[in-house]
């Protein structure tokens, strides 16, 4: 799977983990984009692996301008909550998403939409399965799923072995400020923002693989309305995984394919088209 969930970031070198910064509390990383009045829809944004809550700095204001509230936060182990490069674990990632869903549900007295990009899509799937009555719908942008990929379990064995033998081994992520697959502002942010992860521990990578497997394995149980988004230039999440997820969502989901779209669709050059499709779907979905 080394050609899979992280390959779009171009892993180019290695070293040992050095980050010792104390992580911030979850509540200190909340970001929100408020509409002028009472929100028509309440949306929770869940960012991708290596990124943090600022991933929604383009989508958030756009949705707020159209009457919707978007809230994001740094998921455990990312952004201002980096835990010495350690993987926080599926249980913590999912439980924190559930906590935020429940908080928003109580405050606004309505089900919450989830927008998850890559890793965030896997977290959205697992959280929605736990509190389906509190989730109005899910937007899954290039979600981290792995069902049906060739040699899936062989890759798992290889990565698990590497994580066991050298958990602190670091893979350096190449993030170019002029990456043509990203919008200019996103490429600059991902390349220069110190809160974006560029050195991935091997055990964290294995944690990501296991999370994607969990989302894939539980996907057949999804009953939540969903919008699945996928780019033709996605070199991180294999098309087979998306195809199987599409099949599972067929009775309660819609699908959008962007032939020139990258893995990080919300950060891509055509993010505005993606945002338009998200807005249209939210407006048409009962909430």
Protein backbone atom coordinates (compact mmCIF):
# COMPACT_ATOMS: atom_id res chain seq x y z
CA UNK A 1 0.00 0.00 0.00
CA UNK A 2 3.02 2.32 -0.16
CA UNK A 3 1.66 3.30 -3.56
CA UNK A 4 -1.65 4.06 -1.88
CA UNK A 5 -2.83 6.41 0.82
CA UNK A 6 0.31 8.55 1.06
CA UNK A 7 1.88 8.31 -2.37
CA UNK A 8 0.37 11.57 -3.62
CA UNK A 9 2.58 13.31 -1.08
CA UNK A 10 5.74 11.74 -2.57
CA UNK A 11 7.62 10.03 0.25
CA UNK A 12 11.25 10.82 -0.44
CA UNK A 13 13.50 10.20 2.57
CA UNK A 14 13.68 9.10 6.18
CA UNK A 15 14.99 10.04 9.63
CA UNK A 16 14.09 9.65 13.30
CA UNK A 17 11.28 11.37 15.15
CA UNK A 18 12.30 14.49 17.04
CA UNK A 19 9.09 16.47 17.79
CA UNK A 20 8.52 16.84 21.54
CA UNK A 21 5.99 19.70 21.59
CA UNK A 22 3.08 19.32 24.00
CA UNK A 23 -0.25 19.07 22.13
CA UNK A 24 -3.00 21.63 22.62
CA UNK A 25 -6.43 20.60 23.95
CA UNK A 26 -9.07 19.81 21.35
CA UNK A 27 -11.22 22.80 22.30
CA UNK A 28 -8.33 25.19 21.68
CA UNK A 29 -8.19 24.19 18.01
CA UNK A 30 -11.83 24.73 17.08
CA UNK A 31 -12.42 26.94 14.03
CA UNK A 32 -15.80 28.10 12.82
CA UNK A 33 -17.16 29.97 9.84
CA UNK A 34 -20.48 31.54 10.79
CA UNK A 35 -23.21 32.75 8.44
CA UNK A 36 -24.76 36.17 8.99
CA UNK A 37 -27.83 34.71 10.69
CA UNK A 38 -29.05 31.41 12.09
CA UNK A 39 -27.41 28.62 10.08
CA UNK A 40 -29.48 26.64 7.60
CA UNK A 41 -27.17 23.64 8.09
CA UNK A 42 -24.50 22.74 10.63
CA UNK A 43 -21.40 21.06 9.21
CA UNK A 44 -18.40 19.41 10.89
CA UNK A 45 -15.19 19.32 8.84
CA UNK A 46 -12.71 16.46 9.30
CA UNK A 47 -9.33 17.03 7.66
CA UNK A 48 -6.90 14.68 5.92
CA UNK A 49 -3.83 12.88 7.27
CA UNK A 50 -0.99 15.33 8.00
CA UNK A 51 -3.23 18.38 7.70
CA UNK A 52 -5.26 20.17 10.39
CA UNK A 53 -8.40 22.27 10.81
CA UNK A 54 -7.20 25.02 8.48
CA UNK A 55 -7.91 22.64 5.60
CA UNK A 56 -11.37 24.24 5.42
CA UNK A 57 -10.23 27.86 5.10
CA UNK A 58 -11.62 28.02 1.55
CA UNK A 59 -14.75 25.89 1.95
CA UNK A 60 -15.77 27.37 5.32
CA UNK A 61 -16.26 31.00 4.19
CA UNK A 62 -17.94 29.82 0.97
CA UNK A 63 -20.54 27.80 2.88
CA UNK A 64 -21.01 30.59 5.43
CA UNK A 65 -21.78 33.00 2.59
CA UNK A 66 -24.58 30.61 1.60
CA UNK A 67 -26.08 30.41 5.06
CA UNK A 68 -24.32 27.38 6.53
CA UNK A 69 -22.06 26.96 9.57
CA UNK A 70 -18.86 24.94 9.24
CA UNK A 71 -16.78 23.97 12.26
CA UNK A 72 -13.45 22.15 12.14
CA UNK A 73 -10.78 21.15 14.64
CA UNK A 74 -7.31 19.63 14.70
CA UNK A 75 -7.80 15.91 15.03
CA UNK A 76 -5.67 14.17 17.66
CA UNK A 77 -2.06 13.89 16.51
CA UNK A 78 -2.29 16.70 13.96
CA UNK A 79 -1.87 20.48 13.79
CA UNK A 80 -1.49 21.97 17.24
CA UNK A 81 -2.25 18.55 18.70
CA UNK A 82 0.79 16.70 17.41
CA UNK A 83 1.73 14.05 19.97
CA UNK A 84 5.46 13.72 19.31
CA UNK A 85 4.58 12.35 15.91
CA UNK A 86 2.61 9.49 17.47
CA UNK A 87 -0.57 8.04 16.01
CA UNK A 88 -3.44 8.89 18.37
CA UNK A 89 -5.40 5.76 17.49
CA UNK A 90 -8.70 5.01 15.81
CA UNK A 91 -10.65 5.01 19.07
CA UNK A 92 -9.61 8.55 20.00
CA UNK A 93 -10.10 9.94 16.49
CA UNK A 94 -13.60 8.51 16.21
CA UNK A 95 -14.66 9.29 19.79
CA UNK A 96 -13.64 12.94 19.39
CA UNK A 97 -15.65 13.21 16.17
CA UNK A 98 -18.66 11.72 17.95
CA UNK A 99 -18.19 14.18 20.82
CA UNK A 100 -18.22 17.13 18.40
CA UNK A 101 -21.28 15.77 16.58
CA UNK A 102 -23.14 15.43 19.86
CA UNK A 103 -22.11 18.90 21.01
CA UNK A 104 -23.31 20.49 17.77
CA UNK A 105 -26.50 18.44 17.79
CA UNK A 106 -27.34 19.61 21.31
CA UNK A 107 -26.49 23.23 20.63
CA UNK A 108 -28.36 23.60 17.34
CA UNK A 109 -31.04 20.94 17.89
CA UNK A 110 -30.58 19.38 14.48
CA UNK A 111 -28.58 16.60 12.83
CA UNK A 112 -25.08 17.54 11.64
CA UNK A 113 -23.50 17.15 8.22
CA UNK A 114 -19.98 15.71 8.06
CA UNK A 115 -17.42 16.71 5.44
CA UNK A 116 -14.43 14.39 5.56
CA UNK A 117 -11.37 14.55 3.33
CA UNK A 118 -9.18 11.42 3.01
CA UNK A 119 -8.48 10.31 6.62
CA UNK A 120 -11.36 12.56 7.65
CA UNK A 121 -13.67 10.57 5.39
CA UNK A 122 -12.79 7.34 7.18
CA UNK A 123 -13.36 9.00 10.56
CA UNK A 124 -16.70 10.37 9.31
CA UNK A 125 -17.87 6.90 8.25
CA UNK A 126 -16.99 5.32 11.59
CA UNK A 127 -18.46 8.18 13.66
CA UNK A 128 -21.70 8.30 11.66
CA UNK A 129 -22.21 4.59 12.21
CA UNK A 130 -22.14 5.18 15.97
CA UNK A 131 -24.60 8.12 16.08
CA UNK A 132 -26.66 7.85 12.87
CA UNK A 133 -29.62 9.74 14.35
CA UNK A 134 -27.41 12.80 14.88
CA UNK A 135 -25.92 12.87 11.36
CA UNK A 136 -27.87 14.46 8.50
CA UNK A 137 -25.44 13.29 5.84
CA UNK A 138 -21.80 12.74 4.91
CA UNK A 139 -19.64 14.29 2.21
CA UNK A 140 -16.73 11.91 1.61
CA UNK A 141 -13.97 13.53 -0.47
CA UNK A 142 -11.41 10.91 -1.53
CA UNK A 143 -12.09 8.96 1.70
CA UNK A 144 -9.41 6.61 3.00
CA UNK A 145 -10.84 3.20 2.08
CA UNK A 146 -9.12 0.04 0.84
CA UNK A 147 -11.68 -2.64 0.00
CA UNK A 148 -10.89 -4.57 -3.15
CA UNK A 149 -7.37 -3.29 -3.74
CA UNK A 150 -4.84 -5.72 -5.17
CA UNK A 151 -2.58 -7.44 -2.61
CA UNK A 152 -4.27 -5.57 0.24
CA UNK A 153 -3.34 -8.04 2.96
CA UNK A 154 0.16 -8.57 1.63
CA UNK A 155 0.78 -4.84 1.94
CA UNK A 156 -0.72 -4.95 5.43
CA UNK A 157 1.72 -7.63 6.52
CA UNK A 158 4.70 -5.71 5.13
CA UNK A 159 3.72 -2.38 6.70
CA UNK A 160 2.82 -3.98 10.03
CA UNK A 161 6.23 -5.66 10.14
CA UNK A 162 8.01 -2.40 9.38
CA UNK A 163 5.98 -0.58 12.04
CA UNK A 164 6.85 -3.26 14.60
CA UNK A 165 10.56 -3.33 13.81
CA UNK A 166 11.06 0.44 13.39
CA UNK A 167 8.02 2.35 14.71
CA UNK A 168 9.88 5.67 14.83
CA UNK A 169 11.28 5.44 11.31
CA UNK A 170 10.24 8.57 9.47
CA UNK A 171 9.14 8.98 5.89
CA UNK A 172 9.56 12.56 4.69
CA UNK A 173 6.61 13.92 2.74
CA UNK A 174 7.50 16.12 -0.23
CA UNK A 175 5.06 19.05 -0.31
CA UNK A 176 5.87 21.48 -3.11
CA UNK A 177 4.69 25.11 -2.94
CA UNK A 178 4.14 25.02 -6.71
CA UNK A 179 2.32 21.69 -6.81
CA UNK A 180 0.14 21.91 -9.97
CA UNK A 181 -2.36 19.45 -8.50
CA UNK A 182 -3.33 21.92 -5.76
CA UNK A 183 -4.81 25.41 -5.67
CA UNK A 184 -2.07 28.02 -5.17
CA UNK A 185 -3.18 28.95 -1.65
CA UNK A 186 -3.42 25.29 -0.60
CA UNK A 187 -0.04 24.36 -2.09
CA UNK A 188 1.61 27.25 -0.24
CA UNK A 189 -0.08 26.38 3.05
CA UNK A 190 0.75 22.70 2.89
CA UNK A 191 4.37 23.45 1.92
CA UNK A 192 5.13 26.19 4.45
CA UNK A 193 2.77 25.92 7.44
CA UNK A 194 4.73 24.40 10.37
CA UNK A 195 1.59 22.69 11.65
CA UNK A 196 1.36 20.49 8.56
CA UNK A 197 3.10 17.14 9.04
CA UNK A 198 5.99 16.41 6.68
CA UNK A 199 7.64 13.55 8.58
CA UNK A 200 5.42 10.50 9.01
CA UNK A 201 6.28 7.82 11.54
CA UNK A 202 6.03 4.28 10.25
CA UNK A 203 3.68 3.29 13.09
CA UNK A 204 1.45 6.28 12.29
CA UNK A 205 1.32 5.16 8.67
CA UNK A 206 0.29 1.70 9.84
CA UNK A 207 -2.38 3.34 12.01
CA UNK A 208 -3.75 5.11 8.95
CA UNK A 209 -3.90 1.82 7.03
CA UNK A 210 -5.81 0.14 9.86
CA UNK A 211 -8.24 3.06 10.09
CA UNK A 212 -8.92 2.84 6.35
CA UNK A 213 -9.47 -0.91 6.70
CA UNK A 214 -11.98 -0.34 9.51
CA UNK A 215 -13.93 2.17 7.45
CA UNK A 216 -13.94 -0.23 4.49
CA UNK A 217 -15.01 -3.22 6.58
CA UNK A 218 -17.91 -1.33 8.17
CA UNK A 219 -19.05 0.53 5.05
CA UNK A 220 -21.73 -2.06 4.14
CA UNK A 221 -23.65 -0.98 7.27
CA UNK A 222 -23.93 2.70 6.26
CA UNK A 223 -27.50 3.99 6.12
CA UNK A 224 -26.66 7.71 6.20
CA UNK A 225 -27.24 9.92 3.15
CA UNK A 226 -23.88 10.42 1.46
CA UNK A 227 -22.12 12.32 -1.29
CA UNK A 228 -19.01 10.49 -2.50
CA UNK A 229 -16.38 12.57 -4.35
CA UNK A 230 -13.36 11.19 -6.22
CA UNK A 231 -10.72 12.61 -8.54
CA UNK A 232 -9.34 10.94 -11.64
CA UNK A 233 -5.82 12.03 -10.66
CA UNK A 234 -6.07 10.56 -7.16
CA UNK A 235 -2.85 8.59 -6.63
CA UNK A 236 -3.50 7.98 -2.94
CA UNK A 237 -6.81 6.13 -2.60
CA UNK A 238 -7.11 3.36 -5.19
CA UNK A 239 -10.14 3.45 -7.47
CA UNK A 240 -11.09 -0.07 -6.39
CA UNK A 241 -11.73 1.09 -2.84
CA UNK A 242 -13.92 3.95 -4.04
CA UNK A 243 -15.81 1.64 -6.40
CA UNK A 244 -16.68 -0.74 -3.59
CA UNK A 245 -17.70 2.13 -1.31
CA UNK A 246 -19.86 3.51 -4.13
CA UNK A 247 -21.63 0.15 -4.33
CA UNK A 248 -22.30 0.18 -0.58
CA UNK A 249 -23.71 3.72 -0.74
CA UNK A 250 -25.79 3.17 -3.88
CA UNK A 251 -29.18 3.20 -2.14
CA UNK A 252 -28.56 6.32 -0.07
CA UNK A 253 -25.74 8.12 -1.85
CA UNK A 254 -24.74 10.27 -4.80
CA UNK A 255 -21.41 10.22 -6.61
CA UNK A 256 -19.34 12.91 -8.31
CA UNK A 257 -16.25 12.14 -10.37
CA UNK A 258 -13.78 14.85 -11.37
CA UNK A 259 -11.54 13.56 -14.19
CA UNK A 260 -8.75 16.06 -13.43
CA UNK A 261 -9.28 16.09 -9.68
CA UNK A 262 -6.42 15.29 -7.26
CA UNK A 263 -6.63 13.28 -4.08
CA UNK A 264 -7.23 16.38 -1.95
CA UNK A 265 -10.26 17.66 -3.84
CA UNK A 266 -10.99 20.41 -1.32
CA UNK A 267 -7.45 21.74 -1.86
CA UNK A 268 -7.37 21.32 -5.65
CA UNK A 269 -7.37 23.93 -8.43
CA UNK A 270 -11.07 23.24 -9.06
CA UNK A 271 -12.10 23.33 -5.40
CA UNK A 272 -14.83 25.84 -6.26
CA UNK A 273 -16.62 23.29 -8.47
CA UNK A 274 -16.34 20.75 -5.66
CA UNK A 275 -17.72 23.32 -3.20
CA UNK A 276 -20.64 24.06 -5.54
CA UNK A 277 -21.50 20.36 -5.68
CA UNK A 278 -21.28 20.05 -1.89
CA UNK A 279 -23.53 23.09 -1.40
CA UNK A 280 -26.08 21.82 -3.91
CA UNK A 281 -26.21 18.41 -2.25
CA UNK A 282 -26.54 19.81 1.29
CA UNK A 283 -29.35 22.12 0.18
CA UNK A 284 -31.21 19.15 -1.35
CA UNK A 285 -30.70 16.80 1.59
CA UNK A 286 -33.32 16.87 4.39
CA UNK A 287 -31.91 18.23 7.65
